[in-house]
Amino acid sequence: MARDRVVEGPLVDAIACAPLIGSGIELVKPENAEARARLEILIWEAGASALEVPGLAKWLWGSDETFEIMIRGPARGALRGRVLAARCLE
């Protein structure tokens, strides 16, 4: 249910449902590929518009594996990944 809300919901609702999918290990599972792709777009948009989502920050920083998947890993890659990591931190 959370995956569907991330994929199809409006920005605030969809991004708030991301932690309900699970930690970083859950995000990399094939069944969550579409949700992860949409989450990247949502984070990009939220960062660009300075939208604050405190629950998302708690989720990102609350688990080493989630931090690795969403911030540390992309920050070491191509420009797109580095920008996405920066938007997460915004």
N, C-alpha and C. Protein backbone atom coordinates (compact mmCIF):
# COMPACT_ATOMS: atom_id res chain seq x y z
N MET A 1 0.82 -1.19 0.00
CA MET A 1 0.00 0.00 0.00
C MET A 1 0.88 1.27 0.00
N ALA A 2 1.92 1.26 0.84
CA ALA A 2 2.81 2.42 0.90
C ALA A 2 3.51 2.63 -0.44
N ARG A 3 3.92 1.53 -1.06
CA ARG A 3 4.59 1.60 -2.36
C ARG A 3 3.69 2.29 -3.38
N ASP A 4 2.41 1.92 -3.41
CA ASP A 4 1.46 2.52 -4.35
C ASP A 4 1.29 4.01 -4.09
N ARG A 5 1.29 4.40 -2.81
CA ARG A 5 1.14 5.83 -2.49
C ARG A 5 2.37 6.62 -2.92
N VAL A 6 3.56 6.02 -2.80
CA VAL A 6 4.77 6.70 -3.25
C VAL A 6 4.74 6.85 -4.77
N VAL A 7 4.30 5.83 -5.46
CA VAL A 7 4.28 5.84 -6.92
C VAL A 7 3.22 6.78 -7.47
N GLU A 8 2.05 6.83 -6.84
CA GLU A 8 0.92 7.54 -7.43
C GLU A 8 0.44 8.77 -6.67
N GLY A 9 0.88 8.94 -5.45
CA GLY A 9 0.34 10.02 -4.62
C GLY A 9 0.90 11.39 -4.95
N PRO A 10 0.25 12.43 -4.42
CA PRO A 10 0.79 13.79 -4.56
C PRO A 10 2.07 13.93 -3.74
N LEU A 11 2.84 14.93 -4.03
CA LEU A 11 4.18 15.12 -3.47
C LEU A 11 4.26 14.87 -1.96
N VAL A 12 3.54 15.63 -1.18
CA VAL A 12 3.68 15.55 0.28
C VAL A 12 3.26 14.18 0.80
N ASP A 13 2.15 13.66 0.32
CA ASP A 13 1.67 12.35 0.76
C ASP A 13 2.63 11.26 0.33
N ALA A 14 3.07 11.30 -0.90
CA ALA A 14 3.95 10.26 -1.44
C ALA A 14 5.28 10.24 -0.70
N ILE A 15 5.84 11.38 -0.47
CA ILE A 15 7.14 11.44 0.20
C ILE A 15 7.01 11.03 1.67
N ALA A 16 5.88 11.35 2.29
CA ALA A 16 5.65 10.95 3.68
C ALA A 16 5.48 9.43 3.82
N CYS A 17 5.08 8.77 2.75
CA CYS A 17 4.88 7.32 2.78
C CYS A 17 6.16 6.54 2.52
N ALA A 18 7.21 7.18 2.07
CA ALA A 18 8.47 6.49 1.77
C ALA A 18 8.99 5.67 2.95
N PRO A 19 9.01 6.21 4.17
CA PRO A 19 9.50 5.40 5.29
C PRO A 19 8.68 4.13 5.54
N LEU A 20 7.44 4.13 5.10
CA LEU A 20 6.58 2.95 5.31
C LEU A 20 6.98 1.78 4.41
N ILE A 21 7.74 2.05 3.36
CA ILE A 21 8.22 0.98 2.49
C ILE A 21 9.25 0.14 3.23
N GLY A 22 10.05 0.78 4.05
CA GLY A 22 11.07 0.08 4.82
C GLY A 22 12.42 0.76 4.68
N SER A 23 13.44 0.08 5.17
CA SER A 23 14.79 0.63 5.15
C SER A 23 15.43 0.46 3.77
N GLY A 24 16.69 0.81 3.67
CA GLY A 24 17.41 0.74 2.41
C GLY A 24 17.37 -0.62 1.75
N ILE A 25 17.42 -1.68 2.55
CA ILE A 25 17.37 -3.05 2.00
C ILE A 25 16.07 -3.27 1.24
N GLU A 26 14.98 -2.77 1.75
CA GLU A 26 13.68 -2.91 1.08
C GLU A 26 13.64 -2.10 -0.22
N LEU A 27 14.27 -0.94 -0.20
CA LEU A 27 14.24 -0.06 -1.38
C LEU A 27 14.91 -0.67 -2.60
N VAL A 28 15.93 -1.48 -2.39
CA VAL A 28 16.66 -2.03 -3.54
C VAL A 28 16.04 -3.31 -4.09
N LYS A 29 14.99 -3.80 -3.46
CA LYS A 29 14.31 -4.99 -3.98
C LYS A 29 13.63 -4.64 -5.30
N PRO A 30 13.61 -5.59 -6.24
CA PRO A 30 13.02 -5.33 -7.56
C PRO A 30 11.57 -4.83 -7.52
N GLU A 31 10.79 -5.30 -6.58
CA GLU A 31 9.39 -4.87 -6.52
C GLU A 31 9.24 -3.40 -6.10
N ASN A 32 10.31 -2.80 -5.59
CA ASN A 32 10.26 -1.39 -5.20
C ASN A 32 10.99 -0.47 -6.18
N ALA A 33 11.38 -0.98 -7.32
CA ALA A 33 12.13 -0.17 -8.30
C ALA A 33 11.34 1.06 -8.74
N GLU A 34 10.07 0.88 -9.03
CA GLU A 34 9.26 2.02 -9.48
C GLU A 34 9.09 3.04 -8.36
N ALA A 35 8.87 2.57 -7.14
CA ALA A 35 8.72 3.47 -6.00
C ALA A 35 10.02 4.23 -5.74
N ARG A 36 11.14 3.55 -5.86
CA ARG A 36 12.43 4.20 -5.64
C ARG A 36 12.67 5.27 -6.72
N ALA A 37 12.36 4.97 -7.95
CA ALA A 37 12.53 5.95 -9.03
C ALA A 37 11.65 7.18 -8.78
N ARG A 38 10.41 6.95 -8.38
CA ARG A 38 9.52 8.08 -8.10
C ARG A 38 10.00 8.85 -6.89
N LEU A 39 10.50 8.13 -5.89
CA LEU A 39 11.01 8.79 -4.69
C LEU A 39 12.17 9.71 -5.03
N GLU A 40 13.02 9.30 -5.93
CA GLU A 40 14.12 10.16 -6.35
C GLU A 40 13.60 11.45 -6.98
N ILE A 41 12.57 11.35 -7.80
CA ILE A 41 11.96 12.53 -8.42
C ILE A 41 11.31 13.41 -7.35
N LEU A 42 10.61 12.79 -6.41
CA LEU A 42 9.96 13.54 -5.34
C LEU A 42 10.97 14.28 -4.47
N ILE A 43 12.06 13.61 -4.15
CA ILE A 43 13.10 14.24 -3.33
C ILE A 43 13.73 15.41 -4.08
N TRP A 44 13.95 15.22 -5.36
CA TRP A 44 14.50 16.29 -6.20
C TRP A 44 13.57 17.51 -6.14
N GLU A 45 12.29 17.27 -6.33
CA GLU A 45 11.31 18.35 -6.32
C GLU A 45 11.19 18.98 -4.94
N ALA A 46 11.16 18.17 -3.90
CA ALA A 46 11.04 18.70 -2.53
C ALA A 46 12.25 19.55 -2.18
N GLY A 47 13.44 19.10 -2.55
CA GLY A 47 14.65 19.88 -2.29
C GLY A 47 14.66 21.18 -3.05
N ALA A 48 14.21 21.14 -4.29
CA ALA A 48 14.19 22.35 -5.12
C ALA A 48 13.21 23.39 -4.59
N SER A 49 12.13 22.92 -3.95
CA SER A 49 11.13 23.85 -3.44
C SER A 49 11.25 24.09 -1.94
N ALA A 50 12.34 23.60 -1.34
CA ALA A 50 12.62 23.78 0.09
C ALA A 50 11.49 23.24 0.97
N LEU A 51 10.90 22.15 0.55
CA LEU A 51 9.84 21.50 1.33
C LEU A 51 10.48 20.74 2.49
N GLU A 52 9.98 20.96 3.68
CA GLU A 52 10.50 20.26 4.85
C GLU A 52 9.62 19.06 5.15
N VAL A 53 10.25 17.90 5.28
CA VAL A 53 9.54 16.67 5.61
C VAL A 53 10.32 16.00 6.74
N PRO A 54 10.05 16.40 7.99
CA PRO A 54 10.82 15.89 9.12
C PRO A 54 10.83 14.36 9.23
N GLY A 55 9.74 13.71 8.92
CA GLY A 55 9.69 12.25 8.99
C GLY A 55 10.65 11.59 8.02
N LEU A 56 10.87 12.22 6.89
CA LEU A 56 11.79 11.68 5.89
C LEU A 56 13.23 11.78 6.40
N ALA A 57 13.56 12.87 7.04
CA ALA A 57 14.92 13.04 7.58
C ALA A 57 15.21 11.98 8.63
N LYS A 58 14.25 11.73 9.48
CA LYS A 58 14.41 10.72 10.51
C LYS A 58 14.64 9.34 9.89
N TRP A 59 13.95 9.05 8.80
CA TRP A 59 14.09 7.78 8.09
C TRP A 59 15.46 7.70 7.41
N LEU A 60 15.87 8.78 6.74
CA LEU A 60 17.15 8.78 6.04
C LEU A 60 18.33 8.62 6.99
N TRP A 61 18.29 9.27 8.12
CA TRP A 61 19.41 9.26 9.07
C TRP A 61 19.28 8.14 10.10
N GLY A 62 18.13 7.49 10.16
CA GLY A 62 17.89 6.49 11.20
C GLY A 62 18.48 5.12 10.92
N SER A 63 18.94 4.88 9.72
CA SER A 63 19.47 3.57 9.36
C SER A 63 20.68 3.75 8.45
N ASP A 64 21.76 3.05 8.78
CA ASP A 64 22.95 3.13 7.94
C ASP A 64 22.67 2.68 6.52
N GLU A 65 21.87 1.63 6.36
CA GLU A 65 21.60 1.11 5.02
C GLU A 65 20.74 2.07 4.20
N THR A 66 19.78 2.74 4.83
CA THR A 66 18.97 3.72 4.11
C THR A 66 19.83 4.91 3.70
N PHE A 67 20.69 5.37 4.62
CA PHE A 67 21.60 6.47 4.32
C PHE A 67 22.52 6.09 3.16
N GLU A 68 23.02 4.86 3.17
CA GLU A 68 23.91 4.38 2.11
C GLU A 68 23.20 4.37 0.75
N ILE A 69 21.99 3.85 0.71
CA ILE A 69 21.23 3.73 -0.54
C ILE A 69 20.79 5.09 -1.08
N MET A 70 20.35 5.97 -0.20
CA MET A 70 19.75 7.23 -0.66
C MET A 70 20.73 8.40 -0.72
N ILE A 71 21.83 8.37 0.06
CA ILE A 71 22.72 9.53 0.10
C ILE A 71 24.17 9.17 -0.21
N ARG A 72 24.79 8.35 0.61
CA ARG A 72 26.22 8.08 0.45
C ARG A 72 26.55 7.45 -0.91
N GLY A 73 25.81 6.43 -1.31
CA GLY A 73 26.07 5.77 -2.60
C GLY A 73 25.92 6.72 -3.78
N PRO A 74 24.77 7.39 -3.91
CA PRO A 74 24.60 8.33 -5.02
C PRO A 74 25.60 9.49 -5.00
N ALA A 75 26.02 9.92 -3.80
CA ALA A 75 26.96 11.04 -3.70
C ALA A 75 28.32 10.70 -4.28
N ARG A 76 28.63 9.43 -4.40
CA ARG A 76 29.92 9.00 -4.95
C ARG A 76 29.85 8.69 -6.44
N GLY A 77 28.69 8.88 -7.03
CA GLY A 77 28.52 8.51 -8.43
C GLY A 77 28.51 9.70 -9.37
N ALA A 78 27.69 9.57 -10.40
CA ALA A 78 27.57 10.59 -11.44
C ALA A 78 26.91 11.86 -10.89
N LEU A 79 26.93 12.89 -11.69
CA LEU A 79 26.37 14.18 -11.28
C LEU A 79 24.93 14.04 -10.81
N ARG A 80 24.12 13.28 -11.52
CA ARG A 80 22.72 13.09 -11.13
C ARG A 80 22.61 12.56 -9.71
N GLY A 81 23.41 11.57 -9.36
CA GLY A 81 23.40 11.00 -8.03
C GLY A 81 23.88 11.98 -6.98
N ARG A 82 24.88 12.76 -7.31
CA ARG A 82 25.39 13.75 -6.36
C ARG A 82 24.34 14.84 -6.08
N VAL A 83 23.63 15.24 -7.12
CA VAL A 83 22.57 16.24 -6.92
C VAL A 83 21.44 15.65 -6.10
N LEU A 84 21.08 14.41 -6.37
CA LEU A 84 20.02 13.74 -5.60
C LEU A 84 20.42 13.67 -4.12
N ALA A 85 21.65 13.30 -3.85
CA ALA A 85 22.14 13.24 -2.46
C ALA A 85 22.05 14.62 -1.81
N ALA A 86 22.43 15.64 -2.54
CA ALA A 86 22.36 17.00 -2.00
C ALA A 86 20.92 17.40 -1.72
N ARG A 87 20.00 17.03 -2.60
CA ARG A 87 18.58 17.34 -2.38
C ARG A 87 18.06 16.62 -1.14
N CYS A 88 18.50 15.40 -0.91
CA CYS A 88 18.11 14.66 0.30
C CYS A 88 18.56 15.42 1.54
N LEU A 89 19.76 15.95 1.48
CA LEU A 89 20.30 16.65 2.63
C LEU A 89 19.66 18.02 2.84
N GLU A 90 19.11 18.58 1.75
CA GLU A 90 18.43 19.88 1.88
C GLU A 90 17.19 19.70 2.71
